[in-house]
N, C-alpha and C. Protein backbone atom coordinates (compact mmCIF):
# COMPACT_ATOMS: atom_id res chain seq x y z
N MET A 1 12.42 53.15 41.91
CA MET A 1 11.72 52.70 40.72
C MET A 1 11.07 51.35 40.97
N ASP A 2 11.72 50.47 41.72
CA ASP A 2 11.15 49.17 42.02
C ASP A 2 9.88 49.30 42.82
N PHE A 3 9.85 50.24 43.77
CA PHE A 3 8.67 50.44 44.59
C PHE A 3 7.52 51.00 43.76
N THR A 4 7.82 51.80 42.75
CA THR A 4 6.79 52.37 41.90
C THR A 4 6.07 51.27 41.13
N PHE A 5 6.83 50.35 40.56
CA PHE A 5 6.24 49.24 39.81
C PHE A 5 5.38 48.38 40.72
N ALA A 6 5.94 48.02 41.87
CA ALA A 6 5.19 47.18 42.81
C ALA A 6 3.94 47.91 43.29
N GLY A 7 4.04 49.20 43.51
CA GLY A 7 2.87 49.98 43.94
C GLY A 7 1.78 49.99 42.88
N LEU A 8 2.18 50.14 41.63
CA LEU A 8 1.20 50.13 40.54
C LEU A 8 0.51 48.77 40.42
N VAL A 9 1.28 47.72 40.59
CA VAL A 9 0.70 46.39 40.52
C VAL A 9 -0.28 46.17 41.67
N LEU A 10 0.10 46.61 42.86
CA LEU A 10 -0.80 46.46 44.00
C LEU A 10 -2.08 47.27 43.81
N VAL A 11 -1.97 48.44 43.21
CA VAL A 11 -3.16 49.25 42.93
C VAL A 11 -4.05 48.53 41.93
N ALA A 12 -3.46 47.90 40.93
CA ALA A 12 -4.24 47.16 39.93
C ALA A 12 -4.97 45.99 40.59
N ILE A 13 -4.28 45.27 41.46
CA ILE A 13 -4.90 44.14 42.16
C ILE A 13 -6.04 44.63 43.04
N ALA A 14 -5.81 45.74 43.75
CA ALA A 14 -6.85 46.29 44.61
C ALA A 14 -8.05 46.74 43.78
N ALA A 15 -7.81 47.30 42.61
CA ALA A 15 -8.91 47.76 41.76
C ALA A 15 -9.75 46.58 41.27
N ILE A 16 -9.10 45.47 40.92
CA ILE A 16 -9.83 44.28 40.48
C ILE A 16 -10.69 43.76 41.62
N ALA A 17 -10.09 43.68 42.81
CA ALA A 17 -10.83 43.17 43.98
C ALA A 17 -11.99 44.10 44.33
N ALA A 18 -11.75 45.41 44.29
CA ALA A 18 -12.80 46.37 44.62
C ALA A 18 -13.94 46.30 43.60
N SER A 19 -13.59 46.14 42.35
CA SER A 19 -14.62 46.03 41.31
C SER A 19 -15.51 44.82 41.56
N GLY A 20 -14.91 43.71 41.90
CA GLY A 20 -15.69 42.51 42.20
C GLY A 20 -16.57 42.71 43.42
N ALA A 21 -16.03 43.35 44.46
CA ALA A 21 -16.80 43.58 45.68
C ALA A 21 -17.99 44.50 45.42
N VAL A 22 -17.79 45.52 44.61
CA VAL A 22 -18.88 46.44 44.29
C VAL A 22 -19.98 45.70 43.52
N LYS A 23 -19.59 44.88 42.57
CA LYS A 23 -20.58 44.13 41.79
C LYS A 23 -21.35 43.15 42.67
N ILE A 24 -20.64 42.49 43.57
CA ILE A 24 -21.30 41.57 44.49
C ILE A 24 -22.29 42.32 45.36
N ALA A 25 -21.87 43.45 45.92
CA ALA A 25 -22.75 44.25 46.78
C ALA A 25 -23.98 44.74 46.02
N ARG A 26 -23.77 45.15 44.78
CA ARG A 26 -24.89 45.65 43.97
C ARG A 26 -25.91 44.55 43.70
N ILE A 27 -25.44 43.40 43.32
CA ILE A 27 -26.36 42.28 43.05
C ILE A 27 -27.03 41.82 44.33
N TRP A 28 -26.28 41.78 45.43
CA TRP A 28 -26.85 41.39 46.72
C TRP A 28 -27.96 42.36 47.13
N ALA A 29 -27.72 43.67 46.95
CA ALA A 29 -28.72 44.66 47.30
C ALA A 29 -29.96 44.53 46.42
N GLN A 30 -29.76 44.26 45.14
CA GLN A 30 -30.89 44.07 44.24
C GLN A 30 -31.69 42.83 44.63
N GLY A 31 -30.99 41.78 45.03
CA GLY A 31 -31.66 40.54 45.43
C GLY A 31 -32.50 40.74 46.68
N ARG A 32 -31.99 41.51 47.63
CA ARG A 32 -32.76 41.76 48.86
C ARG A 32 -33.97 42.63 48.57
N ALA A 33 -33.82 43.56 47.64
CA ALA A 33 -34.93 44.45 47.31
C ALA A 33 -36.01 43.72 46.50
N ALA A 34 -35.56 42.78 45.67
CA ALA A 34 -36.51 42.09 44.80
C ALA A 34 -37.19 40.91 45.47
N GLY A 35 -36.64 40.45 46.57
CA GLY A 35 -37.24 39.30 47.26
C GLY A 35 -37.02 38.03 46.48
N ALA A 36 -38.09 37.35 46.12
CA ALA A 36 -38.00 36.07 45.42
C ALA A 36 -38.14 36.28 43.92
N ASP A 37 -37.38 37.18 43.37
CA ASP A 37 -37.41 37.48 41.94
C ASP A 37 -36.96 36.25 41.15
N PRO A 38 -37.71 35.86 40.11
CA PRO A 38 -37.33 34.69 39.33
C PRO A 38 -35.99 34.84 38.62
N GLY A 39 -35.55 36.05 38.36
CA GLY A 39 -34.27 36.28 37.68
C GLY A 39 -33.07 36.20 38.60
N THR A 40 -33.33 35.99 39.88
CA THR A 40 -32.24 35.97 40.86
C THR A 40 -31.26 34.84 40.58
N ALA A 41 -31.75 33.68 40.24
CA ALA A 41 -30.87 32.55 39.96
C ALA A 41 -29.94 32.85 38.79
N GLY A 42 -30.47 33.47 37.76
CA GLY A 42 -29.65 33.83 36.60
C GLY A 42 -28.60 34.86 36.94
N ARG A 43 -29.00 35.86 37.73
CA ARG A 43 -28.04 36.89 38.15
C ARG A 43 -26.97 36.29 39.04
N LEU A 44 -27.36 35.37 39.91
CA LEU A 44 -26.41 34.72 40.79
C LEU A 44 -25.41 33.91 39.98
N GLN A 45 -25.89 33.20 38.99
CA GLN A 45 -25.01 32.42 38.12
C GLN A 45 -24.02 33.34 37.40
N ALA A 46 -24.51 34.46 36.88
CA ALA A 46 -23.64 35.42 36.18
C ALA A 46 -22.60 35.98 37.15
N LEU A 47 -23.01 36.26 38.36
CA LEU A 47 -22.09 36.78 39.37
C LEU A 47 -21.01 35.76 39.70
N GLU A 48 -21.40 34.50 39.87
CA GLU A 48 -20.42 33.46 40.17
C GLU A 48 -19.41 33.31 39.04
N GLU A 49 -19.87 33.40 37.80
CA GLU A 49 -18.96 33.32 36.65
C GLU A 49 -18.01 34.50 36.63
N GLU A 50 -18.54 35.68 36.92
CA GLU A 50 -17.70 36.87 36.92
C GLU A 50 -16.67 36.84 38.04
N VAL A 51 -17.06 36.37 39.21
CA VAL A 51 -16.11 36.24 40.32
C VAL A 51 -15.03 35.23 39.95
N GLY A 52 -15.41 34.16 39.29
CA GLY A 52 -14.42 33.17 38.84
C GLY A 52 -13.43 33.79 37.87
N ALA A 53 -13.93 34.61 36.94
CA ALA A 53 -13.06 35.29 35.99
C ALA A 53 -12.14 36.27 36.70
N LEU A 54 -12.66 36.99 37.68
CA LEU A 54 -11.84 37.93 38.44
C LEU A 54 -10.76 37.20 39.23
N ARG A 55 -11.10 36.06 39.77
CA ARG A 55 -10.10 35.26 40.50
C ARG A 55 -8.99 34.81 39.56
N GLN A 56 -9.35 34.40 38.36
CA GLN A 56 -8.35 33.98 37.38
C GLN A 56 -7.44 35.15 37.01
N GLU A 57 -8.02 36.32 36.77
CA GLU A 57 -7.22 37.51 36.47
C GLU A 57 -6.28 37.84 37.62
N LEU A 58 -6.77 37.74 38.84
CA LEU A 58 -5.95 38.03 40.01
C LEU A 58 -4.81 37.02 40.12
N ARG A 59 -5.09 35.73 39.86
CA ARG A 59 -4.05 34.71 39.88
C ARG A 59 -2.95 35.03 38.86
N GLU A 60 -3.37 35.40 37.65
CA GLU A 60 -2.41 35.72 36.59
C GLU A 60 -1.60 36.96 36.97
N THR A 61 -2.25 37.95 37.55
CA THR A 61 -1.55 39.16 37.96
C THR A 61 -0.54 38.85 39.05
N GLN A 62 -0.91 38.00 40.00
CA GLN A 62 0.02 37.62 41.07
C GLN A 62 1.22 36.88 40.51
N GLU A 63 1.01 36.03 39.51
CA GLU A 63 2.13 35.33 38.88
C GLU A 63 3.07 36.33 38.21
N ARG A 64 2.52 37.34 37.54
CA ARG A 64 3.35 38.35 36.89
C ARG A 64 4.12 39.17 37.92
N VAL A 65 3.48 39.50 39.03
CA VAL A 65 4.16 40.25 40.09
C VAL A 65 5.30 39.41 40.65
N ASP A 66 5.05 38.13 40.90
CA ASP A 66 6.10 37.25 41.42
C ASP A 66 7.28 37.20 40.46
N PHE A 67 6.99 37.07 39.17
CA PHE A 67 8.04 37.03 38.17
C PHE A 67 8.83 38.34 38.16
N ALA A 68 8.11 39.47 38.17
CA ALA A 68 8.78 40.77 38.14
C ALA A 68 9.64 40.96 39.39
N GLU A 69 9.15 40.51 40.53
CA GLU A 69 9.94 40.62 41.77
C GLU A 69 11.21 39.79 41.67
N ARG A 70 11.12 38.59 41.11
CA ARG A 70 12.31 37.75 40.96
C ARG A 70 13.33 38.41 40.03
N VAL A 71 12.84 38.98 38.94
CA VAL A 71 13.74 39.63 37.99
C VAL A 71 14.40 40.85 38.64
N LEU A 72 13.62 41.64 39.34
CA LEU A 72 14.17 42.83 39.99
C LEU A 72 15.12 42.47 41.12
N ALA A 73 14.90 41.36 41.79
CA ALA A 73 15.76 40.95 42.89
C ALA A 73 17.13 40.48 42.41
N ARG A 74 17.24 40.09 41.17
CA ARG A 74 18.53 39.62 40.63
C ARG A 74 19.55 40.74 40.56
N GLY A 75 19.11 41.95 40.36
CA GLY A 75 20.02 43.07 40.24
C GLY A 75 20.24 43.44 38.78
N PRO A 76 20.88 44.58 38.56
CA PRO A 76 21.03 45.07 37.18
C PRO A 76 21.91 44.19 36.30
N GLU A 77 22.92 43.53 36.85
CA GLU A 77 23.81 42.70 36.03
C GLU A 77 23.08 41.50 35.45
N ALA A 78 22.21 40.89 36.22
CA ALA A 78 21.51 39.69 35.76
C ALA A 78 20.41 40.01 34.76
N ARG A 79 19.98 41.26 34.68
CA ARG A 79 18.88 41.61 33.79
C ARG A 79 19.34 41.92 32.37
N ARG A 80 20.62 42.01 32.14
CA ARG A 80 21.11 42.34 30.80
C ARG A 80 20.76 41.24 29.83
N VAL A 81 20.40 41.66 28.61
CA VAL A 81 20.04 40.72 27.56
C VAL A 81 20.90 41.05 26.35
N GLY A 82 21.36 40.03 25.69
CA GLY A 82 22.13 40.25 24.47
C GLY A 82 23.60 39.96 24.71
N PRO A 83 24.40 40.16 23.65
CA PRO A 83 25.83 39.84 23.75
C PRO A 83 26.54 40.79 24.71
N GLN A 84 27.44 40.23 25.49
CA GLN A 84 28.25 41.01 26.43
C GLN A 84 29.62 41.24 25.82
N GLY A 85 30.14 42.40 26.03
CA GLY A 85 31.51 42.59 25.59
C GLY A 85 31.74 43.73 24.76
């Protein structure tokens, strides 16, 4: 079960990274096709903002994965919540 959760998280991280890479490639291809298009600067700015947002999402996801790994590493006894007895 622990491997399933970690696997799902890794798939989510890979999907975020792949989405960013596809968008970068698409804009790069459009820029090469358009040459000195006046809208290139605006598209580049939008791309940089989106990459920044993706990096932030990835950072937050990594923090959640780290937290989940620490909780799972404690074992079942340490994960109990509420009154014992």
